[in-house]
C-alpha atoms as a PDB file:
ATOM      1  CA  MET A   1      77.540  49.221  75.901  1.00  0.00           C
ATOM      2  CA  ALA A   2      77.168  51.731  78.219  1.00  0.00           C
ATOM      3  CA  VAL A   3      79.175  51.177  81.354  1.00  0.00           C
ATOM      4  CA  GLN A   4      77.140  50.909  85.010  1.00  0.00           C
ATOM      5  CA  ILE A   5      77.797  53.174  87.821  1.00  0.00           C
ATOM      6  CA  ALA A   6      76.680  53.140  90.974  1.00  0.00           C
ATOM      7  CA  LEU A   7      76.660  55.791  93.330  1.00  0.00           C
ATOM      8  CA  ILE A   8      76.460  55.115  96.889  1.00  0.00           C
ATOM      9  CA  GLY A   9      75.390  57.717  99.047  1.00  0.00           C
ATOM     10  CA  LEU A  10      74.060  60.829  97.296  1.00  0.00           C
ATOM     11  CA  GLY A  11      75.745  63.672  99.632  1.00  0.00           C
ATOM     12  CA  GLN A  12      77.532  66.440  98.154  1.00  0.00           C
ATOM     13  CA  ILE A  13      80.602  64.509  96.667  1.00  0.00           C
ATOM     14  CA  GLY A  14      78.490  61.550  95.235  1.00  0.00           C
ATOM     15  CA  ALA A  15      76.074  63.714  93.876  1.00  0.00           C
ATOM     16  CA  SER A  16      78.467  65.935  92.181  1.00  0.00           C
ATOM     17  CA  VAL A  17      80.283  62.838  90.712  1.00  0.00           C
ATOM     18  CA  GLY A  18      76.776  61.765  89.283  1.00  0.00           C
ATOM     19  CA  LEU A  19      76.603  65.594  87.737  1.00  0.00           C
ATOM     20  CA  ALA A  20      79.981  65.815  86.506  1.00  0.00           C
ATOM     21  CA  LEU A  21      79.361  62.687  84.421  1.00  0.00           C
ATOM     22  CA  GLY A  22      75.887  63.641  82.961  1.00  0.00           C
ATOM     23  CA  ASN A  23      77.661  65.047  80.075  1.00  0.00           C
ATOM     24  CA  HIS A  24      78.268  61.626  79.202  1.00  0.00           C
ATOM     25  CA  LYS A  25      75.182  59.751  79.130  1.00  0.00           C
ATOM     26  CA  ASP A  26      76.101  58.164  76.030  1.00  0.00           C
ATOM     27  CA  LEU A  27      78.694  56.115  77.453  1.00  0.00           C
ATOM     28  CA  VAL A  28      77.477  55.956  81.249  1.00  0.00           C
ATOM     29  CA  VAL A  29      74.454  54.731  82.707  1.00  0.00           C
ATOM     30  CA  ARG A  30      74.437  56.128  86.664  1.00  0.00           C
ATOM     31  CA  THR A  31      72.385  54.347  89.027  1.00  0.00           C
ATOM     32  CA  GLY A  32      72.129  55.836  92.475  1.00  0.00           C
ATOM     33  CA  LEU A  33      71.109  55.090  96.143  1.00  0.00           C
ATOM     34  CA  ASP A  34      71.180  57.059  99.490  1.00  0.00           C
ATOM     35  CA  LYS A  35      70.281  55.579 103.035  1.00  0.00           C
ATOM     36  CA  ASP A  36      67.458  58.338 102.630  1.00  0.00           C
ATOM     37  CA  PRO A  37      64.914  57.686  99.896  1.00  0.00           C
ATOM     38  CA  ALA A  38      63.816  61.410  99.574  1.00  0.00           C
ATOM     39  CA  VAL A  39      68.011  62.187  98.856  1.00  0.00           C
ATOM     40  CA  ALA A  40      67.796  59.403  96.397  1.00  0.00           C
ATOM     41  CA  ARG A  41      64.728  61.078  94.179  1.00  0.00           C
ATOM     42  CA  ARG A  42      66.396  64.765  94.763  1.00  0.00           C
ATOM     43  CA  ALA A  43      69.091  63.558  92.796  1.00  0.00           C
ATOM     44  CA  LYS A  44      67.278  62.018  90.311  1.00  0.00           C
ATOM     45  CA  GLN A  45      65.076  65.599  89.938  1.00  0.00           C
ATOM     46  CA  ILE A  46      68.820  67.460  89.448  1.00  0.00           C
ATOM     47  CA  GLY A  47      70.305  65.046  87.073  1.00  0.00           C
ATOM     48  CA  ALA A  48      72.392  63.635  88.992  1.00  0.00           C
ATOM     49  CA  ILE A  49      71.304  60.084  88.221  1.00  0.00           C
ATOM     50  CA  ASP A  50      69.489  58.237  85.759  1.00  0.00           C
ATOM     51  CA  ARG A  51      67.745  55.621  88.343  1.00  0.00           C
ATOM     52  CA  ALA A  52      67.246  55.322  91.774  1.00  0.00           C
ATOM     53  CA  GLU A  53      67.757  52.098  93.457  1.00  0.00           C
ATOM     54  CA  SER A  54      66.604  51.127  97.056  1.00  0.00           C
ATOM     55  CA  LYS A  55      68.120  48.024  97.461  1.00  0.00           C
ATOM     56  CA  LEU A  56      71.888  47.691  97.571  1.00  0.00           C
ATOM     57  CA  PHE A  57      72.211  44.635  96.398  1.00  0.00           C
ATOM     58  CA  ALA A  58      70.222  45.058  93.178  1.00  0.00           C
ATOM     59  CA  CYS A  59      72.357  48.904  92.839  1.00  0.00           C
ATOM     60  CA  VAL A  60      75.787  47.323  92.608  1.00  0.00           C
ATOM     61  CA  GLU A  61      75.448  43.786  91.120  1.00  0.00           C
ATOM     62  CA  ALA A  62      75.702  44.881  87.118  1.00  0.00           C
ATOM     63  CA  ALA A  63      78.009  47.665  87.900  1.00  0.00           C
ATOM     64  CA  ASP A  64      81.385  48.047  86.464  1.00  0.00           C
ATOM     65  CA  LEU A  65      82.167  50.884  88.734  1.00  0.00           C
ATOM     66  CA  VAL A  66      81.327  51.082  92.306  1.00  0.00           C
ATOM     67  CA  LEU A  67      81.761  54.438  94.298  1.00  0.00           C
ATOM     68  CA  LEU A  68      81.172  54.512  97.758  1.00  0.00           C
ATOM     69  CA  THR A  69      80.900  58.425  99.455  1.00  0.00           C
ATOM     70  CA  LEU A  70      79.746  56.985 102.728  1.00  0.00           C
ATOM     71  CA  PRO A  71      79.971  58.298 106.273  1.00  0.00           C
ATOM     72  CA  MET A  72      83.057  56.566 107.757  1.00  0.00           C
ATOM     73  CA  ASP A  73      81.069  54.386 110.168  1.00  0.00           C
ATOM     74  CA  GLN A  74      78.921  52.911 107.468  1.00  0.00           C
ATOM     75  CA  ILE A  75      81.555  51.441 105.155  1.00  0.00           C
ATOM     76  CA  GLN A  76      82.667  48.136 106.815  1.00  0.00           C
ATOM     77  CA  GLU A  77      79.256  47.004 106.705  1.00  0.00           C
ATOM     78  CA  THR A  78      78.304  48.218 103.107  1.00  0.00           C
ATOM     79  CA  LEU A  79      81.790  46.949 101.817  1.00  0.00           C
ATOM     80  CA  GLU A  80      80.886  43.104 103.844  1.00  0.00           C
ATOM     81  CA  PHE A  81      77.100  43.192 102.519  1.00  0.00           C
ATOM     82  CA  ILE A  82      78.343  44.258  98.467  1.00  0.00           C
ATOM     83  CA  GLY A  83      81.143  41.612  98.502  1.00  0.00           C
ATOM     84  CA  PRO A  84      79.379  39.099  97.257  1.00  0.00           C
ATOM     85  CA  ALA A  85      77.475  40.610  94.521  1.00  0.00           C
ATOM     86  CA  LEU A  86      80.389  42.506  92.605  1.00  0.00           C
ATOM     87  CA  ARG A  87      80.653  40.970  89.117  1.00  0.00           C
ATOM     88  CA  GLU A  88      83.630  39.980  87.956  1.00  0.00           C
ATOM     89  CA  GLY A  89      86.275  42.880  87.090  1.00  0.00           C
ATOM     90  CA  ALA A  90      84.036  45.433  88.931  1.00  0.00           C
ATOM     91  CA  VAL A  91      86.189  48.654  90.483  1.00  0.00           C
ATOM     92  CA  VAL A  92      85.206  49.815  94.013  1.00  0.00           C
ATOM     93  CA  MET A  93      86.096  53.462  94.911  1.00  0.00           C
ATOM     94  CA  ASP A  94      85.625  55.473  98.173  1.00  0.00           C
ATOM     95  CA  THR A  95      86.241  58.898  99.635  1.00  0.00           C
ATOM     96  CA  ALA A  96      86.724  57.572 103.057  1.00  0.00           C
ATOM     97  CA  PRO A  97      88.683  59.972 105.033  1.00  0.00           C
ATOM     98  CA  VAL A  98      90.570  57.337 106.664  1.00  0.00           C
ATOM     99  CA  ARG A  99      92.564  54.625 104.458  1.00  0.00           C
ATOM    100  CA  GLU A 100      94.788  51.906 106.351  1.00  0.00           C
ATOM    101  CA  VAL A 101      91.240  50.214 108.219  1.00  0.00           C
ATOM    102  CA  VAL A 102      89.578  50.383 104.704  1.00  0.00           C
ATOM    103  CA  GLY A 103      92.078  48.778 103.078  1.00  0.00           C
ATOM    104  CA  ASN A 104      91.898  45.805 105.737  1.00  0.00           C
ATOM    105  CA  TRP A 105      88.107  45.782 105.059  1.00  0.00           C
ATOM    106  CA  VAL A 106      88.955  45.762 101.473  1.00  0.00           C
ATOM    107  CA  LYS A 107      91.056  42.626 101.587  1.00  0.00           C
ATOM    108  CA  GLU A 108      88.589  40.890 104.267  1.00  0.00           C
ATOM    109  CA  PHE A 109      85.276  41.366 101.966  1.00  0.00           C
ATOM    110  CA  LEU A 110      86.169  41.820  98.200  1.00  0.00           C
ATOM    111  CA  PRO A 111      86.358  38.609  96.476  1.00  0.00           C
ATOM    112  CA  GLN A 112      89.497  37.885  94.173  1.00  0.00           C
ATOM    113  CA  GLY A 113      89.286  39.532  90.670  1.00  0.00           C
ATOM    114  CA  ARG A 114      87.482  42.671  92.152  1.00  0.00           C
ATOM    115  CA  HIS A 115      89.796  45.624  92.606  1.00  0.00           C
ATOM    116  CA  TYR A 116      89.909  48.690  94.744  1.00  0.00           C
ATOM    117  CA  VAL A 117      91.600  52.361  94.539  1.00  0.00           C
ATOM    118  CA  GLY A 118      90.342  54.922  97.302  1.00  0.00           C
ATOM    119  CA  LEU A 119      89.832  58.556  96.208  1.00  0.00           C
ATOM    120  CA  THR A 120      90.108  61.934  98.492  1.00  0.00           C
ATOM    121  CA  PRO A 121      88.797  64.894  96.501  1.00  0.00           C
ATOM    122  CA  ILE A 122      89.967  68.120  97.260  1.00  0.00           C
ATOM    123  CA  ILE A 123      87.267  70.466  95.793  1.00  0.00           C
ATOM    124  CA  ASN A 124      87.187  73.468  93.973  1.00  0.00           C
ATOM    125  CA  PRO A 125      88.191  76.525  95.782  1.00  0.00           C
ATOM    126  CA  ALA A 126      85.582  78.892  94.914  1.00  0.00           C
ATOM    127  CA  TYR A 127      82.944  76.443  97.002  1.00  0.00           C
ATOM    128  CA  LEU A 128      85.425  76.307 100.750  1.00  0.00           C
ATOM    129  CA  HIS A 129      83.213  78.845 101.922  1.00  0.00           C
ATOM    130  CA  GLY A 130      79.756  76.841 101.009  1.00  0.00           C
ATOM    131  CA  ILE A 131      77.752  76.534 104.089  1.00  0.00           C
ATOM    132  CA  ASP A 132      75.563  74.205 102.189  1.00  0.00           C
ATOM    133  CA  ALA A 133      75.400  70.364 103.121  1.00  0.00           C
ATOM    134  CA  GLY A 134      74.305  67.569 101.537  1.00  0.00           C
ATOM    135  CA  ILE A 135      73.137  66.921  97.949  1.00  0.00           C
ATOM    136  CA  GLU A 136      72.466  70.763  98.298  1.00  0.00           C
ATOM    137  CA  ALA A 137      75.927  71.409  97.918  1.00  0.00           C
ATOM    138  CA  ALA A 138      76.504  69.012  94.830  1.00  0.00           C
ATOM    139  CA  HIS A 139      77.650  71.086  91.891  1.00  0.00           C
ATOM    140  CA  ALA A 140      78.733  69.540  88.481  1.00  0.00           C
ATOM    141  CA  ASP A 141      82.216  71.461  88.651  1.00  0.00           C
ATOM    142  CA  LEU A 142      82.787  70.580  92.527  1.00  0.00           C
ATOM    143  CA  PHE A 143      85.981  68.815  91.581  1.00  0.00           C
ATOM    144  CA  GLN A 144      87.365  71.678  88.635  1.00  0.00           C
ATOM    145  CA  HIS A 145      90.337  73.580  89.658  1.00  0.00           C
ATOM    146  CA  GLY A 146      90.806  71.132  92.394  1.00  0.00           C
ATOM    147  CA  MET A 147      92.748  67.290  93.067  1.00  0.00           C
ATOM    148  CA  ILE A 148      91.527  64.026  93.723  1.00  0.00           C
ATOM    149  CA  ALA A 149      94.510  62.087  95.820  1.00  0.00           C
ATOM    150  CA  ILE A 150      94.383  58.247  94.653  1.00  0.00           C
ATOM    151  CA  VAL A 151      95.428  56.209  97.285  1.00  0.00           C
ATOM    152  CA  SER A 152      96.426  52.668  96.620  1.00  0.00           C
ATOM    153  CA  ARG A 153      98.833  49.463  97.997  1.00  0.00           C
ATOM    154  CA  PRO A 154     101.157  48.203  96.190  1.00  0.00           C
ATOM    155  CA  ASP A 155      99.367  45.179  94.834  1.00  0.00           C
ATOM    156  CA  THR A 156      96.543  47.399  93.290  1.00  0.00           C
ATOM    157  CA  ASN A 157      95.789  46.425  89.798  1.00  0.00           C
ATOM    158  CA  PRO A 158      97.728  48.915  87.731  1.00  0.00           C
ATOM    159  CA  GLU A 159      94.806  49.293  85.185  1.00  0.00           C
ATOM    160  CA  ALA A 160      92.270  49.947  88.339  1.00  0.00           C
ATOM    161  CA  ILE A 161      94.956  52.953  88.926  1.00  0.00           C
ATOM    162  CA  LYS A 162      95.078  54.192  85.851  1.00  0.00           C
ATOM    163  CA  LEU A 163      91.090  54.171  85.608  1.00  0.00           C
ATOM    164  CA  ALA A 164      91.052  56.358  88.633  1.00  0.00           C
ATOM    165  CA  ALA A 165      93.176  58.852  87.368  1.00  0.00           C
ATOM    166  CA  ASP A 166      91.840  58.900  83.921  1.00  0.00           C
ATOM    167  CA  LEU A 167      88.039  59.450  85.975  1.00  0.00           C
ATOM    168  CA  THR A 168      89.781  61.989  88.014  1.00  0.00           C
ATOM    169  CA  ARG A 169      90.428  64.141  84.696  1.00  0.00           C
ATOM    170  CA  LEU A 170      87.528  63.375  83.646  1.00  0.00           C
ATOM    171  CA  LEU A 171      85.610  64.990  86.531  1.00  0.00           C
ATOM    172  CA  GLY A 172      88.035  67.646  85.895  1.00  0.00           C
ATOM    173  CA  ALA A 173      90.637  67.571  88.886  1.00  0.00           C
ATOM    174  CA  ALA A 174      94.173  66.458  88.595  1.00  0.00           C
ATOM    175  CA  PRO A 175      95.068  63.439  89.913  1.00  0.00           C
ATOM    176  CA  LEU A 176      97.562  62.882  93.252  1.00  0.00           C
ATOM    177  CA  PHE A 177      99.620  60.396  93.950  1.00  0.00           C
ATOM    178  CA  THR A 178      99.901  59.504  97.731  1.00  0.00           C
ATOM    179  CA  ASP A 179     100.193  56.205  99.911  1.00  0.00           C
ATOM    180  CA  ILE A 180      97.756  55.164 102.567  1.00  0.00           C
ATOM    181  CA  ALA A 181      99.823  56.447 105.704  1.00  0.00           C
ATOM    182  CA  GLU A 182     100.759  59.608 104.289  1.00  0.00           C
ATOM    183  CA  MET A 183      97.032  60.119 103.270  1.00  0.00           C
ATOM    184  CA  ASP A 184      96.186  59.148 106.988  1.00  0.00           C
ATOM    185  CA  GLY A 185      98.335  61.858 108.233  1.00  0.00           C
ATOM    186  CA  PHE A 186      97.236  64.746 105.558  1.00  0.00           C
ATOM    187  CA  MET A 187      93.431  64.186 106.711  1.00  0.00           C
ATOM    188  CA  ALA A 188      94.273  63.917 110.389  1.00  0.00           C
ATOM    189  CA  ALA A 189      95.473  67.461 110.147  1.00  0.00           C
ATOM    190  CA  THR A 190      93.001  69.088 108.044  1.00  0.00           C
ATOM    191  CA  HIS A 191      89.987  67.492 107.683  1.00  0.00           C
ATOM    192  CA  LEU A 192      89.789  65.831 111.523  1.00  0.00           C
ATOM    193  CA  LEU A 193      91.843  68.162 113.473  1.00  0.00           C
ATOM    194  CA  PRO A 194      89.212  71.189 112.382  1.00  0.00           C
ATOM    195  CA  GLN A 195      86.507  69.137 113.139  1.00  0.00           C
ATOM    196  CA  LEU A 196      87.735  68.176 116.355  1.00  0.00           C
ATOM    197  CA  LEU A 197      88.370  71.607 117.138  1.00  0.00           C
ATOM    198  CA  SER A 198      85.315  73.207 116.619  1.00  0.00           C
ATOM    199  CA  ALA A 199      83.103  70.751 118.816  1.00  0.00           C
ATOM    200  CA  ALA A 200      85.481  71.440 121.551  1.00  0.00           C
ATOM    201  CA  LEU A 201      84.857  75.165 121.402  1.00  0.00           C
ATOM    202  CA  ILE A 202      81.680  74.961 121.343  1.00  0.00           C
ATOM    203  CA  ASN A 203      81.759  72.799 124.889  1.00  0.00           C
ATOM    204  CA  ALA A 204      84.192  75.268 126.055  1.00  0.00           C
ATOM    205  CA  THR A 205      81.695  77.680 125.565  1.00  0.00           C
ATOM    206  CA  ALA A 206      77.887  76.674 125.354  1.00  0.00           C
ATOM    207  CA  ASP A 207      78.368  74.596 128.775  1.00  0.00           C
ATOM    208  CA  GLN A 208      79.127  77.445 130.140  1.00  0.00           C
ATOM    209  CA  PRO A 209      76.679  79.294 132.793  1.00  0.00           C
ATOM    210  CA  GLY A 210      77.473  82.925 130.901  1.00  0.00           C
ATOM    211  CA  TRP A 211      76.208  80.875 127.561  1.00  0.00           C
ATOM    212  CA  ARG A 212      72.678  81.873 127.713  1.00  0.00           C
ATOM    213  CA  ASP A 213      74.194  85.895 127.108  1.00  0.00           C
ATOM    214  CA  ALA A 214      77.426  85.412 125.642  1.00  0.00           C
ATOM    215  CA  ARG A 215      74.974  83.484 122.547  1.00  0.00           C
ATOM    216  CA  LYS A 216      73.713  86.838 121.881  1.00  0.00           C
ATOM    217  CA  VAL A 217      77.068  88.318 120.747  1.00  0.00           C
ATOM    218  CA  ALA A 218      78.718  85.450 119.271  1.00  0.00           C
ATOM    219  CA  GLY A 219      79.702  86.899 116.062  1.00  0.00           C
ATOM    220  CA  ARG A 220      81.627  85.836 112.400  1.00  0.00           C
ATOM    221  CA  ALA A 221      84.847  84.118 114.190  1.00  0.00           C
ATOM    222  CA  TYR A 222      82.191  81.885 116.300  1.00  0.00           C
ATOM    223  CA  ALA A 223      80.464  80.781 113.287  1.00  0.00           C
ATOM    224  CA  GLU A 224      83.301  80.323 111.178  1.00  0.00           C
ATOM    225  CA  VAL A 225      85.608  78.350 113.876  1.00  0.00           C
ATOM    226  CA  SER A 226      82.384  76.280 115.482  1.00  0.00           C
ATOM    227  CA  GLY A 227      81.002  75.233 111.889  1.00  0.00           C
ATOM    228  CA  PRO A 228      83.120  71.901 110.401  1.00  0.00           C
ATOM    229  CA  VAL A 229      81.464  70.032 113.521  1.00  0.00           C
ATOM    230  CA  ALA A 230      77.864  70.788 111.930  1.00  0.00           C
ATOM    231  CA  GLN A 231      79.008  70.100 108.545  1.00  0.00           C
ATOM    232  CA  SER A 232      81.142  67.214 109.241  1.00  0.00           C
ATOM    233  CA  GLY A 233      77.812  64.585 109.402  1.00  0.00           C
ATOM    234  CA  SER A 234      77.045  62.584 112.394  1.00  0.00           C
ATOM    235  CA  PRO A 235      78.389  62.046 115.480  1.00  0.00           C
ATOM    236  CA  ALA A 236      78.885  58.323 115.203  1.00  0.00           C
ATOM    237  CA  SER A 237      80.786  59.014 111.609  1.00  0.00           C
ATOM    238  CA  LEU A 238      82.804  61.740 113.384  1.00  0.00           C
ATOM    239  CA  ALA A 239      83.959  59.918 116.443  1.00  0.00           C
ATOM    240  CA  SER A 240      84.684  56.342 113.795  1.00  0.00           C
ATOM    241  CA  THR A 241      87.168  58.551 112.069  1.00  0.00           C
ATOM    242  CA  ALA A 242      88.745  59.555 115.145  1.00  0.00           C
ATOM    243  CA  ILE A 243      89.096  56.287 116.335  1.00  0.00           C
ATOM    244  CA  TYR A 244      90.252  54.490 113.328  1.00  0.00           C
ATOM    245  CA  ASN A 245      93.001  57.132 112.797  1.00  0.00           C
ATOM    246  CA  GLY A 246      93.346  57.126 116.492  1.00  0.00           C
ATOM    247  CA  GLU A 247      97.476  57.282 116.263  1.00  0.00           C
ATOM    248  CA  ASN A 248      97.853  60.493 113.649  1.00  0.00           C
ATOM    249  CA  ALA A 249      94.476  62.215 115.761  1.00  0.00           C
ATOM    250  CA  LEU A 250      96.430  61.786 118.843  1.00  0.00           C
ATOM    251  CA  ARG A 251      99.414  63.346 116.806  1.00  0.00           C
ATOM    252  CA  VAL A 252      98.086  66.681 115.498  1.00  0.00           C
ATOM    253  CA  LEU A 253      95.784  66.746 119.017  1.00  0.00           C
ATOM    254  CA  ASP A 254      99.306  66.831 121.060  1.00  0.00           C
ATOM    255  CA  SER A 255     100.181  69.739 118.494  1.00  0.00           C
ATOM    256  CA  LEU A 256      96.999  71.682 118.561  1.00  0.00           C
ATOM    257  CA  MET A 257      97.115  71.554 122.661  1.00  0.00           C
ATOM    258  CA  ALA A 258     101.036  72.808 122.352  1.00  0.00           C
ATOM    259  CA  ALA A 259      99.979  75.350 120.187  1.00  0.00           C
ATOM    260  CA  LEU A 260      97.412  76.279 122.716  1.00  0.00           C
ATOM    261  CA  GLN A 261      99.936  76.483 125.840  1.00  0.00           C
ATOM    262  CA  SER A 262     102.211  78.014 124.233  1.00  0.00           C
ATOM    263  CA  MET A 263      99.877  81.267 123.681  1.00  0.00           C
ATOM    264  CA  TYR A 264      98.253  80.591 127.374  1.00  0.00           C
ATOM    265  CA  GLN A 265     102.104  81.069 129.042  1.00  0.00           C
ATOM    266  CA  ASP A 266     102.570  84.026 126.433  1.00  0.00           C
ATOM    267  CA  ILE A 267      98.700  85.356 128.051  1.00  0.00           C
ATOM    268  CA  GLN A 268      99.669  84.377 131.442  1.00  0.00           C
ATOM    269  CA  SER A 269     103.320  86.282 131.591  1.00  0.00           C
ATOM    270  CA  ARG A 270     101.760  88.778 130.069  1.00  0.00           C
ATOM    271  CA  ASP A 271     104.510  88.676 126.995  1.00  0.00           C
ATOM    272  CA  ASN A 272     102.920  90.882 124.442  1.00  0.00           C
ATOM    273  CA  GLU A 273     105.528  90.419 122.139  1.00  0.00           C
ATOM    274  CA  ALA A 274     105.517  86.789 122.089  1.00  0.00           C
ATOM    275  CA  LEU A 275     102.002  86.485 121.514  1.00  0.00           C
ATOM    276  CA  GLN A 276     102.165  88.840 118.683  1.00  0.00           C
ATOM    277  CA  LYS A 277     105.241  87.030 116.787  1.00  0.00           C
ATOM    278  CA  ARG A 278     102.875  83.833 117.213  1.00  0.00           C
ATOM    279  CA  LEU A 279      99.677  85.444 115.727  1.00  0.00           C
ATOM    280  CA  GLU A 280     101.672  86.999 112.777  1.00  0.00           C
ATOM    281  CA  ARG A 281     103.429  83.947 111.675  1.00  0.00           C
ATOM    282  CA  ALA A 282      99.658  82.413 111.969  1.00  0.00           C
ATOM    283  CA  LYS A 283      98.754  85.156 109.840  1.00  0.00           C
ATOM    284  CA  SER A 284     100.914  85.170 107.298  1.00  0.00           C
ATOM    285  CA  ASN A 285     101.466  81.101 106.901  1.00  0.00           C
ATOM    286  CA  ARG A 286      97.357  81.655 106.549  1.00  0.00           C
ATOM    287  CA  GLU A 287      97.521  83.655 103.983  1.00  0.00           C
ATOM    288  CA  THR A 288     100.301  81.941 101.988  1.00  0.00           C
ATOM    289  CA  TRP A 289      98.043  78.928 101.934  1.00  0.00           C
ATOM    290  CA  TRP A 290      95.060  80.483 100.608  1.00  0.00           C
ATOM    291  CA  GLU A 291      96.840  82.395  97.742  1.00  0.00           C
ATOM    292  CA  GLN A 292      98.274  78.659  96.995  1.00  0.00           C
ATOM    293  CA  ARG A 293      94.870  76.412  97.424  1.00  0.00           C
ATOM    294  CA  GLN A 294      93.024  79.627  95.546  1.00  0.00           C
ATOM    295  CA  ALA A 295      95.623  79.055  92.278  1.00  0.00           C
ATOM    296  CA  GLY A 296      96.679  75.444  92.665  1.00  0.00           C
ATOM    297  CA  ASP A 297     100.416  76.270  92.573  1.00  0.00           C
ATOM    298  CA  TRP A 298     101.533  72.669  93.789  1.00  0.00           C
ATOM    299  CA  LEU A 299     100.179  70.318  90.913  1.00  0.00           C
ATOM    300  CA  SER A 300     102.672  68.274  90.569  1.00  0.00           C
ATOM    301  CA  VAL A 301     105.244  67.841  87.439  1.00  0.00           C
ATOM    302  CA  GLU A 302     103.010  65.268  85.839  1.00  0.00           C
ATOM    303  CA  VAL A 303      99.586  66.611  86.019  1.00  0.00           C
ATOM    304  CA  ARG A 304     101.325  70.422  84.011  1.00  0.00           C
ATOM    305  CA  THR A 305     102.663  68.536  81.290  1.00  0.00           C
ATOM    306  CA  ASN A 306      99.695  66.426  81.052  1.00  0.00           C
ATOM    307  CA  PRO A 307      96.732  68.867  81.123  1.00  0.00           C
ATOM    308  CA  GLU A 308      94.470  67.354  78.529  1.00  0.00           C
ATOM    309  CA  LEU A 309      91.568  65.373  79.589  1.00  0.00           C
ATOM    310  CA  PRO A 310      91.069  61.958  78.399  1.00  0.00           C
ATOM    311  CA  LYS A 311      88.304  61.017  75.791  1.00  0.00           C
ATOM    312  CA  ALA A 312      85.462  59.542  78.006  1.00  0.00           C
ATOM    313  CA  SER A 313      85.756  56.406  75.497  1.00  0.00           C
ATOM    314  CA  ASP A 314      88.960  55.778  76.743  1.00  0.00           C
ATOM    315  CA  VAL A 315      88.160  56.011  80.356  1.00  0.00           C
ATOM    316  CA  PHE A 316      85.301  53.377  80.424  1.00  0.00           C
ATOM    317  CA  GLY A 317      87.521  51.403  77.963  1.00  0.00           C
ATOM    318  CA  ASN A 318      89.840  51.012  80.599  1.00  0.00           C
ATOM    319  CA  LEU A 319      87.372  50.220  82.899  1.00  0.00           C
ATOM    320  CA  LEU A 320      86.178  47.289  80.281  1.00  0.00           C
ATOM    321  CA  GLY A 321      89.390  45.858  80.344  1.00  0.00           C
ATOM    322  CA  LEU A 322      89.952  45.041  83.809  1.00  0.00           C
ATOM    323  CA  ARG A 323      87.076  42.112  82.834  1.00  0.00           C
ATOM    324  CA  ARG A 324      89.026  40.481  80.723  1.00  0.00           C
ATOM    325  CA  LYS A 325      90.478  37.265  81.348  1.00  0.00           C
ATOM    326  CA  PRO A 326      94.116  36.633  81.164  1.00  0.00           C
ATOM    327  CA  LYS A 327      95.429  34.565  78.418  1.00  0.00           C
ATOM    328  CA  LYS A 328      96.996  31.114  78.836  1.00  0.00           C
END
């Protein structure tokens, strides 16, 4: 019997998961829902889902696996709503940018016998410079040559964690196991901070009296640095992410302001040598990261020694095993 997968949110990540699973139509039935009906229709058109559903309860009630790829400000109410609808043994996964608060919501809203694992996709480096957003940025190979961080609590069912790892490999990515606190720190530094910096840059320039003329000469550098806030989704989602991950957000903002203050002092004191060294170190660090990111050199020993993808039947066999009731 085919496994029922519900994809809630059909933007870049949700639609890409659907496209990647399209190679296993004999084993999977993909039902999708998006807040925008036009997006759901588009997902059906490009083959990311088999069926579009307009009612959230109906979308998840028969699902074995529910994947939430939603903005941060929509996750709490969604978990609260779908909790009573989930079947025994169902596994809920999500791609939220903040883990600790979502874990608390899961404990509050998911009934006993339902399982949860958090996923954080680290996408194919070929798409890091893409300017498209939403479903138009979806690709069947979005996760290939990348990783998916698997975040779970100590009491998470081991079969649910294994399912997440096998599903990760099935999507063409390598699993990276992390804990909740560690991942929230990572995301604050690499996901949230660039978006906040982008917003600060725009407000610091577009609100100035000279912007009317300055905007005419803004070029590639301005476009690239200001881009993250435009690609981050709604301001409400970004604000929620910053507030929910407040401790880490403040820590990385402190580090950023200290770095800016150091450059400010170098310029104020006309210390060309000190400023040049800071800029050289930044350039070198960026080049090193970019080379490693393209090659994926940091894959764990476990991943390098287990390169083979699991069979789809094995993956979904694990999922169905979660519904078996333990023997007395």
